[in-house]
Amino acid sequence: MTVVATDTPRLSGWLKYEEEPSLGLCHEVVTINEASAKTLVTGTVLGKVTVGGKYKVAVETASDGSKVADAIYIGNVLGNDTQTVAAATDTKILVLKRGKAIVSKGALLLDSTYDNDAKKNAVYASLEALEIFVQPTI
């Protein structure tokens, strides 16, 4: 089949409901710091490093605490859906940090190390503990 068009992920693709979005109750500006340069796309699941409290892309094999899902990347502080984060540089980003919110399971972006249902379900349970409810894609 020929590809006719492609599209980039958008906030509306994964965030299906948020309580009082005009108040920003569920959002927070956090600091991300990655060992190597990364491009973040809206919907990327993030973990929080235990020591220092900075964020990074959640990776199942991480031993620094960041394998536990703690937020979902919304965009940069200027409102863009994607952002390149330079290596070893503190960068401010906007995340979905708490609920009440509903997100689409199939549209969340997980690192490839979450390669089976048990690992993915652990991510979803961590998000649901934050009242970010993960629902099947409609």
C-alpha atoms as a PDB file:
ATOM      1  CA  MET A   1       0.000   0.000   0.000  1.00  0.00           C
ATOM      2  CA  THR A   2       1.265   3.464  -0.877  1.00  0.00           C
ATOM      3  CA  VAL A   3       1.582   6.001   1.931  1.00  0.00           C
ATOM      4  CA  VAL A   4      -0.507   9.004   0.984  1.00  0.00           C
ATOM      5  CA  ALA A   5       0.200  11.162   4.013  1.00  0.00           C
ATOM      6  CA  THR A   6       1.746  11.047   7.437  1.00  0.00           C
ATOM      7  CA  ASP A   7       0.896  13.034  10.516  1.00  0.00           C
ATOM      8  CA  THR A   8       2.698  13.848  13.719  1.00  0.00           C
ATOM      9  CA  PRO A   9       1.201  12.985  17.095  1.00  0.00           C
ATOM     10  CA  ARG A  10      -0.941  15.723  18.596  1.00  0.00           C
ATOM     11  CA  LEU A  11      -2.157  16.366  22.111  1.00  0.00           C
ATOM     12  CA  SER A  12      -5.730  15.607  21.042  1.00  0.00           C
ATOM     13  CA  GLY A  13      -4.603  12.188  19.825  1.00  0.00           C
ATOM     14  CA  TRP A  14      -3.769  10.898  23.295  1.00  0.00           C
ATOM     15  CA  LEU A  15      -5.409  13.252  25.839  1.00  0.00           C
ATOM     16  CA  LYS A  16      -9.122  12.472  25.753  1.00  0.00           C
ATOM     17  CA  TYR A  17     -10.313  14.238  28.913  1.00  0.00           C
ATOM     18  CA  GLU A  18      -8.810  16.584  31.456  1.00  0.00           C
ATOM     19  CA  GLU A  19     -10.558  18.128  34.432  1.00  0.00           C
ATOM     20  CA  GLU A  20     -10.749  21.926  34.108  1.00  0.00           C
ATOM     21  CA  PRO A  21      -8.109  22.327  31.368  1.00  0.00           C
ATOM     22  CA  SER A  22      -8.506  26.108  31.432  1.00  0.00           C
ATOM     23  CA  LEU A  23      -7.119  26.135  34.974  1.00  0.00           C
ATOM     24  CA  GLY A  24      -4.134  23.909  34.220  1.00  0.00           C
ATOM     25  CA  LEU A  25      -4.709  21.853  37.376  1.00  0.00           C
ATOM     26  CA  CYS A  26      -3.291  18.706  35.813  1.00  0.00           C
ATOM     27  CA  HIS A  27      -0.223  20.347  34.248  1.00  0.00           C
ATOM     28  CA  GLU A  28       3.176  21.121  35.672  1.00  0.00           C
ATOM     29  CA  VAL A  29       6.403  22.569  34.312  1.00  0.00           C
ATOM     30  CA  VAL A  30       9.248  20.172  35.133  1.00  0.00           C
ATOM     31  CA  THR A  31      12.938  19.854  34.313  1.00  0.00           C
ATOM     32  CA  ILE A  32      14.119  17.102  31.994  1.00  0.00           C
ATOM     33  CA  ASN A  33      17.759  16.083  31.680  1.00  0.00           C
ATOM     34  CA  GLU A  34      18.840  13.281  29.343  1.00  0.00           C
ATOM     35  CA  ALA A  35      22.314  11.747  28.981  1.00  0.00           C
ATOM     36  CA  SER A  36      22.053  11.993  25.189  1.00  0.00           C
ATOM     37  CA  ALA A  37      20.073  14.304  22.924  1.00  0.00           C
ATOM     38  CA  LYS A  38      16.453  13.244  22.478  1.00  0.00           C
ATOM     39  CA  THR A  39      13.465  14.481  20.548  1.00  0.00           C
ATOM     40  CA  LEU A  40      10.325  14.461  22.672  1.00  0.00           C
ATOM     41  CA  VAL A  41       6.930  14.050  21.029  1.00  0.00           C
ATOM     42  CA  THR A  42       3.670  14.829  22.774  1.00  0.00           C
ATOM     43  CA  GLY A  43       2.387  11.697  24.511  1.00  0.00           C
ATOM     44  CA  THR A  44       5.834  10.414  25.554  1.00  0.00           C
ATOM     45  CA  VAL A  45       5.760   8.768  28.983  1.00  0.00           C
ATOM     46  CA  LEU A  46       8.341  10.154  31.419  1.00  0.00           C
ATOM     47  CA  GLY A  47       9.839   8.929  34.673  1.00  0.00           C
ATOM     48  CA  LYS A  48      11.298  10.888  37.572  1.00  0.00           C
ATOM     49  CA  VAL A  49      14.872  10.267  38.707  1.00  0.00           C
ATOM     50  CA  THR A  50      14.866   9.512  42.437  1.00  0.00           C
ATOM     51  CA  VAL A  51      17.993  11.572  43.200  1.00  0.00           C
ATOM     52  CA  GLY A  52      17.546  15.168  42.064  1.00  0.00           C
ATOM     53  CA  GLY A  53      13.940  14.845  40.891  1.00  0.00           C
ATOM     54  CA  LYS A  54      14.575  15.577  37.216  1.00  0.00           C
ATOM     55  CA  TYR A  55      12.666  13.781  34.486  1.00  0.00           C
ATOM     56  CA  LYS A  56      13.695  11.616  31.557  1.00  0.00           C
ATOM     57  CA  VAL A  57      12.013   9.304  29.099  1.00  0.00           C
ATOM     58  CA  ALA A  58      10.817   6.284  31.088  1.00  0.00           C
ATOM     59  CA  VAL A  59      12.878   3.215  30.220  1.00  0.00           C
ATOM     60  CA  GLU A  60      11.968  -0.166  31.714  1.00  0.00           C
ATOM     61  CA  THR A  61      15.601  -1.105  32.385  1.00  0.00           C
ATOM     62  CA  ALA A  62      16.452   2.127  34.264  1.00  0.00           C
ATOM     63  CA  SER A  63      17.776   1.751  37.804  1.00  0.00           C
ATOM     64  CA  ASP A  64      17.564   5.436  38.794  1.00  0.00           C
ATOM     65  CA  GLY A  65      13.818   5.447  39.510  1.00  0.00           C
ATOM     66  CA  SER A  66      12.824   6.770  36.083  1.00  0.00           C
ATOM     67  CA  LYS A  67      11.319   3.474  34.916  1.00  0.00           C
ATOM     68  CA  VAL A  68       8.199   4.297  36.946  1.00  0.00           C
ATOM     69  CA  ALA A  69       5.833   6.417  34.853  1.00  0.00           C
ATOM     70  CA  ASP A  70       5.352   9.772  36.567  1.00  0.00           C
ATOM     71  CA  ALA A  71       4.177  12.160  33.823  1.00  0.00           C
ATOM     72  CA  ILE A  72       3.343  12.473  30.131  1.00  0.00           C
ATOM     73  CA  TYR A  73       5.010  15.049  27.903  1.00  0.00           C
ATOM     74  CA  ILE A  74       2.527  17.655  26.649  1.00  0.00           C
ATOM     75  CA  GLY A  75       4.877  20.071  24.916  1.00  0.00           C
ATOM     76  CA  ASN A  76       7.505  22.671  25.531  1.00  0.00           C
ATOM     77  CA  VAL A  77       6.721  25.821  27.476  1.00  0.00           C
ATOM     78  CA  LEU A  78       6.090  27.640  24.176  1.00  0.00           C
ATOM     79  CA  GLY A  79       3.305  25.207  23.244  1.00  0.00           C
ATOM     80  CA  ASN A  80       5.070  23.102  20.598  1.00  0.00           C
ATOM     81  CA  ASP A  81       4.179  19.374  20.382  1.00  0.00           C
ATOM     82  CA  THR A  82       7.793  18.286  19.794  1.00  0.00           C
ATOM     83  CA  GLN A  83      11.066  19.418  21.268  1.00  0.00           C
ATOM     84  CA  THR A  84      14.694  18.402  20.990  1.00  0.00           C
ATOM     85  CA  VAL A  85      16.407  18.166  24.356  1.00  0.00           C
ATOM     86  CA  ALA A  86      20.167  18.658  24.258  1.00  0.00           C
ATOM     87  CA  ALA A  87      22.389  16.128  26.025  1.00  0.00           C
ATOM     88  CA  ALA A  88      23.063  16.762  29.721  1.00  0.00           C
ATOM     89  CA  THR A  89      21.130  20.049  29.674  1.00  0.00           C
ATOM     90  CA  ASP A  90      18.344  21.035  32.038  1.00  0.00           C
ATOM     91  CA  THR A  91      15.293  21.869  29.926  1.00  0.00           C
ATOM     92  CA  LYS A  92      11.863  23.022  31.102  1.00  0.00           C
ATOM     93  CA  ILE A  93       8.900  21.159  29.622  1.00  0.00           C
ATOM     94  CA  LEU A  94       5.157  20.988  30.224  1.00  0.00           C
ATOM     95  CA  VAL A  95       3.726  17.645  31.383  1.00  0.00           C
ATOM     96  CA  LEU A  96       0.475  16.052  32.401  1.00  0.00           C
ATOM     97  CA  LYS A  97       1.359  15.308  36.007  1.00  0.00           C
ATOM     98  CA  ARG A  98      -1.939  14.455  37.674  1.00  0.00           C
ATOM     99  CA  GLY A  99      -5.579  13.838  36.959  1.00  0.00           C
ATOM    100  CA  LYS A 100      -8.416  13.600  36.717  1.00  0.00           C
ATOM    101  CA  ALA A 101      -7.538  12.830  33.140  1.00  0.00           C
ATOM    102  CA  ILE A 102      -8.196  10.113  30.568  1.00  0.00           C
ATOM    103  CA  VAL A 103      -5.568   9.151  27.992  1.00  0.00           C
ATOM    104  CA  SER A 104      -5.667   6.795  25.018  1.00  0.00           C
ATOM    105  CA  LYS A 105      -3.634   3.624  25.577  1.00  0.00           C
ATOM    106  CA  GLY A 106      -2.753   3.159  21.922  1.00  0.00           C
ATOM    107  CA  ALA A 107      -1.554   6.741  21.462  1.00  0.00           C
ATOM    108  CA  LEU A 108       0.871   6.898  24.403  1.00  0.00           C
ATOM    109  CA  LEU A 109       4.516   6.713  23.369  1.00  0.00           C
ATOM    110  CA  LEU A 110       6.458   4.163  25.399  1.00  0.00           C
ATOM    111  CA  ASP A 111      10.132   3.321  25.093  1.00  0.00           C
ATOM    112  CA  SER A 112      10.743   0.055  23.218  1.00  0.00           C
ATOM    113  CA  THR A 113      11.965  -1.600  26.453  1.00  0.00           C
ATOM    114  CA  TYR A 114       8.305  -1.859  27.489  1.00  0.00           C
ATOM    115  CA  ASP A 115       8.014  -4.818  25.162  1.00  0.00           C
ATOM    116  CA  ASN A 116       5.278  -6.966  26.697  1.00  0.00           C
ATOM    117  CA  ASP A 117       1.864  -6.556  28.293  1.00  0.00           C
ATOM    118  CA  ALA A 118       3.112  -7.004  31.872  1.00  0.00           C
ATOM    119  CA  LYS A 119       5.611  -4.150  31.511  1.00  0.00           C
ATOM    120  CA  LYS A 120       3.065  -1.925  29.782  1.00  0.00           C
ATOM    121  CA  ASN A 121       0.454  -2.669  32.437  1.00  0.00           C
ATOM    122  CA  ALA A 122       2.932  -1.534  35.122  1.00  0.00           C
ATOM    123  CA  VAL A 123       3.195   1.818  33.300  1.00  0.00           C
ATOM    124  CA  TYR A 124      -0.574   2.146  33.083  1.00  0.00           C
ATOM    125  CA  ALA A 125      -0.936   1.306  36.800  1.00  0.00           C
ATOM    126  CA  SER A 126       1.630   3.992  37.705  1.00  0.00           C
ATOM    127  CA  LEU A 127      -0.288   6.565  35.685  1.00  0.00           C
ATOM    128  CA  GLU A 128      -3.600   5.507  37.189  1.00  0.00           C
ATOM    129  CA  ALA A 129      -2.132   6.024  40.677  1.00  0.00           C
ATOM    130  CA  LEU A 130      -1.784   9.683  39.586  1.00  0.00           C
ATOM    131  CA  GLU A 131      -5.455   9.655  38.475  1.00  0.00           C
ATOM    132  CA  ILE A 132      -4.414   9.605  34.828  1.00  0.00           C
ATOM    133  CA  PHE A 133      -6.723   6.862  33.589  1.00  0.00           C
ATOM    134  CA  VAL A 134      -5.534   4.820  30.613  1.00  0.00           C
ATOM    135  CA  GLN A 135      -8.390   3.700  28.360  1.00  0.00           C
ATOM    136  CA  PRO A 136      -8.447   1.523  25.238  1.00  0.00           C
ATOM    137  CA  THR A 137      -8.177   3.452  22.004  1.00  0.00           C
ATOM    138  CA  ILE A 138     -11.550   4.197  20.503  1.00  0.00           C
END
